[in-house]
């Protein structure tokens, strides 16, 4: 009996010694880890891929709101929208806003040249503002890649990019509306 117990203890000790000499992972263990990481990575890509388009539309809405607020706040400082050009203009550094320009810029977090929609296009400004009468409409909007949705305010219609995540609502904001 004593010999049997001694042999068992000796065998256990030998197993420990053998295990302590074994370093690293076997090929099967490595393959299992790689397979598990591939499954988790594929799932993450699928989940994130669905949210990227929605995030672009959310970003565009927020940027349009920021531009709208900058113009409204600037007009409060200036007293009106003098300097806003009539017609359709790109919102960029060439948008000549007269004395209103620096005030608008002061309310934005980056230069007008850097403001583009998530698809790489410049936002547009549609204006029929008459500084003499103070009447008109000013709309800022995202340009559609293909089919747009018509957005009409005070007789002015623009074709804006539609938001498929918000019942095809136009990506447009009214900055000013005093109809004739």
Protein backbone atom coordinates (compact mmCIF):
# COMPACT_ATOMS: atom_id res chain seq x y z
CA UNK A 1 0.00 0.00 0.00
CA UNK A 2 2.77 2.31 0.93
CA UNK A 3 4.48 1.60 -2.39
CA UNK A 4 1.27 2.38 -4.27
CA UNK A 5 0.84 5.75 -2.54
CA UNK A 6 4.48 6.57 -3.16
CA UNK A 7 4.10 5.69 -6.84
CA UNK A 8 0.98 7.89 -7.14
CA UNK A 9 2.73 10.85 -5.51
CA UNK A 10 5.73 10.31 -7.76
CA UNK A 11 3.50 10.20 -10.85
CA UNK A 12 1.72 13.42 -9.80
CA UNK A 13 5.05 15.12 -9.29
CA UNK A 14 6.24 13.96 -12.72
CA UNK A 15 3.05 15.34 -14.33
CA UNK A 16 3.63 18.69 -12.70
CA UNK A 17 7.20 18.74 -13.94
CA UNK A 18 6.05 17.84 -17.45
CA UNK A 19 3.36 20.54 -17.37
CA UNK A 20 5.76 23.19 -16.09
CA UNK A 21 8.14 22.44 -18.98
CA UNK A 22 5.36 22.91 -21.53
CA UNK A 23 5.34 26.53 -22.71
CA UNK A 24 3.02 28.34 -25.16
CA UNK A 25 -0.11 27.10 -26.84
CA UNK A 26 -0.80 24.20 -29.10
CA UNK A 27 -1.81 24.69 -32.73
CA UNK A 28 -5.39 23.63 -31.96
CA UNK A 29 -5.67 26.19 -29.17
CA UNK A 30 -4.34 28.94 -31.43
CA UNK A 31 -6.79 27.99 -34.19
CA UNK A 32 -9.68 28.07 -31.73
CA UNK A 33 -8.71 31.57 -30.54
CA UNK A 34 -8.36 32.82 -34.13
CA UNK A 35 -11.76 31.34 -35.08
CA UNK A 36 -13.43 32.94 -32.06
CA UNK A 37 -11.87 36.33 -32.86
CA UNK A 38 -13.03 36.06 -36.51
CA UNK A 39 -16.60 35.34 -35.41
CA UNK A 40 -16.63 38.26 -32.96
CA UNK A 41 -15.00 40.60 -35.51
CA UNK A 42 -17.50 39.66 -38.21
CA UNK A 43 -20.40 40.29 -35.85
CA UNK A 44 -19.01 43.70 -34.86
CA UNK A 45 -18.56 44.73 -38.51
CA UNK A 46 -22.15 43.76 -39.32
CA UNK A 47 -23.55 45.71 -36.38
CA UNK A 48 -21.41 48.80 -37.05
CA UNK A 49 -22.11 48.69 -40.80
CA UNK A 50 -25.81 49.18 -40.18
CA UNK A 51 -25.26 52.26 -38.01
CA UNK A 52 -22.84 54.21 -40.23
CA UNK A 53 -25.46 55.52 -42.72
CA UNK A 54 -27.76 56.59 -39.89
CA UNK A 55 -24.87 58.41 -38.22
CA UNK A 56 -24.18 60.36 -41.43
CA UNK A 57 -27.75 61.65 -41.56
CA UNK A 58 -27.64 62.55 -37.86
CA UNK A 59 -24.39 64.46 -38.41
CA UNK A 60 -25.89 66.34 -41.38
CA UNK A 61 -28.94 67.35 -39.31
CA UNK A 62 -26.71 68.61 -36.51
CA UNK A 63 -24.47 70.60 -38.89
CA UNK A 64 -27.51 72.19 -40.56
CA UNK A 65 -28.82 73.18 -37.13
CA UNK A 66 -25.41 74.66 -36.24
CA UNK A 67 -25.35 76.70 -39.48
CA UNK A 68 -28.94 77.82 -38.92
CA UNK A 69 -28.14 78.90 -35.35
CA UNK A 70 -24.98 80.73 -36.44
CA UNK A 71 -26.95 82.79 -39.00
CA UNK A 72 -29.76 83.53 -36.55
CA UNK A 73 -27.33 84.55 -33.80
CA UNK A 74 -25.29 86.65 -36.25
CA UNK A 75 -28.42 88.45 -37.44
CA UNK A 76 -29.20 89.27 -33.81
CA UNK A 77 -25.79 90.91 -33.51
CA UNK A 78 -25.99 92.64 -36.91
CA UNK A 79 -29.70 93.44 -36.74
CA UNK A 80 -30.62 91.85 -40.08
CA UNK A 81 -29.36 89.63 -42.87
CA UNK A 82 -27.67 92.35 -44.94
CA UNK A 83 -24.98 90.80 -47.05
CA UNK A 84 -26.71 87.47 -47.65
CA UNK A 85 -26.51 86.99 -51.42
CA UNK A 86 -29.64 86.17 -53.38
CA UNK A 87 -29.82 82.93 -55.32
CA UNK A 88 -28.18 79.58 -54.65
CA UNK A 89 -24.66 79.65 -53.22
CA UNK A 90 -22.24 77.12 -51.78
CA UNK A 91 -21.55 77.52 -48.11
CA UNK A 92 -17.78 77.96 -48.26
CA UNK A 93 -15.12 80.62 -48.02
CA UNK A 94 -16.32 82.25 -51.26
CA UNK A 95 -19.78 82.89 -49.81
CA UNK A 96 -19.63 86.66 -49.55
CA UNK A 97 -21.76 87.60 -46.56
CA UNK A 98 -20.41 91.12 -46.21
CA UNK A 99 -20.19 92.29 -42.60
CA UNK A 100 -22.38 89.36 -41.55
CA UNK A 101 -19.65 86.85 -42.57
CA UNK A 102 -17.24 87.28 -39.65
CA UNK A 103 -20.15 87.24 -37.21
CA UNK A 104 -21.54 84.02 -38.70
CA UNK A 105 -18.05 82.52 -38.62
CA UNK A 106 -17.65 83.41 -34.95
CA UNK A 107 -20.62 81.18 -34.08
CA UNK A 108 -19.30 78.15 -35.99
CA UNK A 109 -16.72 75.69 -34.67
CA UNK A 110 -14.67 75.66 -37.90
CA UNK A 111 -14.14 77.76 -41.04
CA UNK A 112 -16.84 77.81 -43.73
CA UNK A 113 -14.37 76.18 -46.14
CA UNK A 114 -14.22 73.11 -43.88
CA UNK A 115 -17.96 72.61 -43.57
CA UNK A 116 -19.10 69.81 -45.86
CA UNK A 117 -21.88 67.28 -45.50
CA UNK A 118 -20.96 63.70 -44.56
CA UNK A 119 -20.98 62.75 -48.27
CA UNK A 120 -18.30 65.34 -49.13
CA UNK A 121 -20.55 67.98 -50.74
CA UNK A 122 -20.91 71.60 -49.71
CA UNK A 123 -24.14 72.67 -48.08
CA UNK A 124 -26.14 75.15 -50.17
CA UNK A 125 -27.74 78.44 -49.21
CA UNK A 126 -30.87 79.51 -51.11
CA UNK A 127 -31.82 83.12 -50.52
CA UNK A 128 -34.42 85.58 -51.79
CA UNK A 129 -33.74 88.07 -49.00
CA UNK A 130 -34.35 91.74 -49.82
CA UNK A 131 -32.42 93.94 -47.39
CA UNK A 132 -34.52 96.96 -48.37
CA UNK A 133 -37.85 95.49 -47.29
CA UNK A 134 -36.54 92.85 -44.89
CA UNK A 135 -38.67 90.26 -46.62
CA UNK A 136 -37.59 86.98 -48.07
CA UNK A 137 -36.60 83.43 -47.36
CA UNK A 138 -33.20 81.95 -46.53
CA UNK A 139 -32.81 78.17 -46.53
CA UNK A 140 -29.72 76.06 -45.92
CA UNK A 141 -29.78 72.47 -47.19
CA UNK A 142 -27.83 69.35 -48.13
CA UNK A 143 -27.57 68.64 -51.86
CA UNK A 144 -29.06 65.30 -52.96
CA UNK A 145 -26.88 62.72 -54.75
CA UNK A 146 -29.81 61.53 -56.83
CA UNK A 147 -33.48 61.96 -56.07
CA UNK A 148 -34.13 64.81 -53.70
CA UNK A 149 -37.24 65.86 -51.86
CA UNK A 150 -38.75 69.26 -52.54
CA UNK A 151 -38.76 71.62 -49.59
CA UNK A 152 -40.88 74.75 -50.02
CA UNK A 153 -40.98 77.78 -47.74
CA UNK A 154 -42.54 81.13 -48.64
CA UNK A 155 -42.62 80.34 -52.33
CA UNK A 156 -39.00 79.21 -52.47
CA UNK A 157 -38.44 75.55 -53.35
CA UNK A 158 -35.17 73.64 -52.98
CA UNK A 159 -34.41 70.02 -53.77
CA UNK A 160 -32.77 68.68 -50.64
CA UNK A 161 -31.30 65.32 -49.72
CA UNK A 162 -33.95 63.15 -48.06
CA UNK A 163 -33.41 61.35 -44.77
CA UNK A 164 -34.54 57.73 -45.13
CA UNK A 165 -34.33 57.27 -41.37
CA UNK A 166 -36.86 60.10 -40.77
CA UNK A 167 -39.72 59.37 -43.22
CA UNK A 168 -37.75 60.91 -46.12
CA UNK A 169 -37.74 64.31 -44.40
CA UNK A 170 -35.61 66.92 -46.21
CA UNK A 171 -32.19 67.75 -44.82
CA UNK A 172 -32.92 71.47 -44.82
CA UNK A 173 -33.34 74.29 -42.29
CA UNK A 174 -35.08 77.63 -42.59
CA UNK A 175 -32.84 80.46 -41.45
CA UNK A 176 -35.28 83.26 -42.19
CA UNK A 177 -38.86 83.49 -43.46
CA UNK A 178 -40.76 86.74 -43.90
CA UNK A 179 -42.86 86.16 -46.99
CA UNK A 180 -43.85 88.87 -49.40
